[in-house]
């Protein structure tokens, strides 16, 4: 009983601590299930969460990690390469398939709106999962 109460209080505290400029990166194998990759990962409703593909079979996937708005500079080079391989693959995916794969659908955006977005926001638009 005390354990459940403590867990629910922690979730409430985490929910109050908004992370608008942070992105939680969760890795999965290519064509792996997004829901399976997110199982056991802790995040609050409204957090920016992406699920990128890890193409390297011989190496273990990194643990989920939060990055600030300077994701390109903070992310290790091997993870950065995998992230952009995923983005290239997503760019080839038809827009109508987003729900089938478990991703949030691409929002309707014009070019001016996208120019004002941060790198983190743009990556979240492409690889974000509903939270």
Protein backbone atom coordinates (compact mmCIF):
# COMPACT_ATOMS: atom_id res chain seq x y z
CA UNK A 1 0.00 0.00 0.00
CA UNK A 2 2.74 2.47 0.93
CA UNK A 3 4.66 1.53 -2.23
CA UNK A 4 1.69 2.36 -4.46
CA UNK A 5 1.07 5.66 -2.70
CA UNK A 6 4.72 6.58 -3.04
CA UNK A 7 4.74 5.65 -6.73
CA UNK A 8 1.63 7.73 -7.46
CA UNK A 9 3.11 10.72 -5.61
CA UNK A 10 6.32 10.46 -7.64
CA UNK A 11 4.31 10.39 -10.88
CA UNK A 12 2.40 13.50 -9.80
CA UNK A 13 5.64 15.32 -8.96
CA UNK A 14 7.18 14.35 -12.30
CA UNK A 15 4.07 15.59 -14.10
CA UNK A 16 4.37 18.99 -12.44
CA UNK A 17 7.98 19.34 -13.52
CA UNK A 18 7.47 20.34 -17.15
CA UNK A 19 10.31 19.67 -19.57
CA UNK A 20 9.34 21.72 -22.65
CA UNK A 21 12.88 21.91 -24.04
CA UNK A 22 13.87 18.31 -23.35
CA UNK A 23 13.50 15.32 -25.61
CA UNK A 24 13.49 11.76 -24.29
CA UNK A 25 15.18 9.47 -26.84
CA UNK A 26 14.18 5.80 -26.69
CA UNK A 27 15.81 3.28 -29.05
CA UNK A 28 14.32 0.24 -30.80
CA UNK A 29 15.42 -2.17 -33.50
CA UNK A 30 14.39 -1.36 -37.11
CA UNK A 31 10.71 -2.08 -37.62
CA UNK A 32 10.47 -2.98 -33.92
CA UNK A 33 7.29 -2.26 -31.99
CA UNK A 34 7.18 1.26 -30.55
CA UNK A 35 4.94 0.19 -27.67
CA UNK A 36 7.37 -2.57 -26.73
CA UNK A 37 10.31 -0.13 -26.79
CA UNK A 38 8.43 2.29 -24.51
CA UNK A 39 7.46 -0.41 -22.01
CA UNK A 40 9.20 0.31 -18.72
CA UNK A 41 10.33 3.81 -19.73
CA UNK A 42 9.15 6.50 -17.32
CA UNK A 43 7.82 9.76 -18.72
CA UNK A 44 5.01 12.13 -17.87
CA UNK A 45 2.00 13.02 -19.98
CA UNK A 46 3.01 15.80 -22.35
CA UNK A 47 6.75 14.98 -22.36
CA UNK A 48 8.42 15.02 -25.75
CA UNK A 49 9.35 11.40 -26.44
CA UNK A 50 10.82 9.98 -29.64
CA UNK A 51 11.46 6.38 -30.59
CA UNK A 52 14.40 6.13 -32.99
CA UNK A 53 15.76 3.02 -34.68
CA UNK A 54 19.11 1.47 -33.77
CA UNK A 55 20.51 -0.16 -36.91
CA UNK A 56 23.72 -1.62 -35.44
CA UNK A 57 23.09 -5.32 -34.83
CA UNK A 58 26.43 -5.98 -33.14
CA UNK A 59 26.16 -3.31 -30.49
CA UNK A 60 23.65 -2.95 -27.65
CA UNK A 61 21.08 -0.19 -27.84
CA UNK A 62 21.72 2.81 -25.59
CA UNK A 63 19.50 3.36 -22.58
CA UNK A 64 16.74 5.98 -22.89
CA UNK A 65 18.15 9.45 -22.24
CA UNK A 66 16.91 13.03 -22.10
CA UNK A 67 18.52 15.72 -24.24
CA UNK A 68 18.06 19.47 -24.15
CA UNK A 69 17.51 21.74 -27.13
CA UNK A 70 21.12 21.23 -28.31
CA UNK A 71 20.60 17.58 -29.16
CA UNK A 72 23.06 17.66 -32.07
CA UNK A 73 25.92 18.73 -29.80
CA UNK A 74 25.01 16.68 -26.72
CA UNK A 75 24.31 13.33 -28.38
CA UNK A 76 27.24 10.93 -28.87
CA UNK A 77 28.29 10.60 -32.55
CA UNK A 78 27.14 6.98 -32.92
CA UNK A 79 23.67 7.82 -31.58
CA UNK A 80 23.53 10.95 -33.73
CA UNK A 81 24.26 8.87 -36.84
CA UNK A 82 21.52 6.37 -35.95
CA UNK A 83 19.04 9.18 -35.31
CA UNK A 84 19.63 10.69 -38.74
CA UNK A 85 19.44 7.28 -40.42
CA UNK A 86 16.03 6.93 -38.79
CA UNK A 87 15.00 10.39 -40.03
CA UNK A 88 16.07 9.47 -43.57
CA UNK A 89 14.00 6.30 -43.34
CA UNK A 90 10.99 8.16 -41.93
CA UNK A 91 11.19 10.67 -44.79
CA UNK A 92 10.54 7.79 -47.18
CA UNK A 93 7.51 6.58 -45.23
CA UNK A 94 4.09 7.54 -46.53
CA UNK A 95 2.19 9.94 -44.28
CA UNK A 96 -0.83 7.63 -44.04
CA UNK A 97 1.24 4.92 -42.37
CA UNK A 98 2.09 6.90 -39.22
CA UNK A 99 -0.70 5.46 -37.07
CA UNK A 100 0.06 1.88 -38.14
CA UNK A 101 3.66 2.23 -36.92
CA UNK A 102 2.63 3.77 -33.58
CA UNK A 103 3.92 7.27 -34.26
CA UNK A 104 2.02 10.52 -33.91
CA UNK A 105 0.82 11.79 -37.30
CA UNK A 106 2.71 14.62 -38.95
CA UNK A 107 1.06 17.94 -38.16
CA UNK A 108 0.11 20.21 -41.00
CA UNK A 109 2.87 22.82 -41.03
CA UNK A 110 3.94 25.42 -43.47
CA UNK A 111 7.55 26.23 -44.30
CA UNK A 112 7.63 29.44 -42.23
CA UNK A 113 6.40 27.62 -39.15
CA UNK A 114 9.07 24.93 -39.55
CA UNK A 115 11.82 27.56 -39.93
CA UNK A 116 10.93 28.90 -36.47
CA UNK A 117 11.04 25.46 -34.83
CA UNK A 118 14.07 24.25 -32.88
CA UNK A 119 15.94 21.10 -33.89
CA UNK A 120 14.32 19.32 -30.97
CA UNK A 121 10.83 20.31 -32.12
CA UNK A 122 11.52 19.25 -35.71
CA UNK A 123 12.85 15.86 -34.61
CA UNK A 124 9.82 15.42 -32.35
CA UNK A 125 7.51 16.18 -35.28
CA UNK A 126 9.09 13.33 -37.25
CA UNK A 127 9.70 10.71 -34.56
CA UNK A 128 7.41 11.72 -31.70
CA UNK A 129 5.14 9.25 -29.99
CA UNK A 130 1.88 10.23 -28.29
CA UNK A 131 2.28 10.69 -24.53
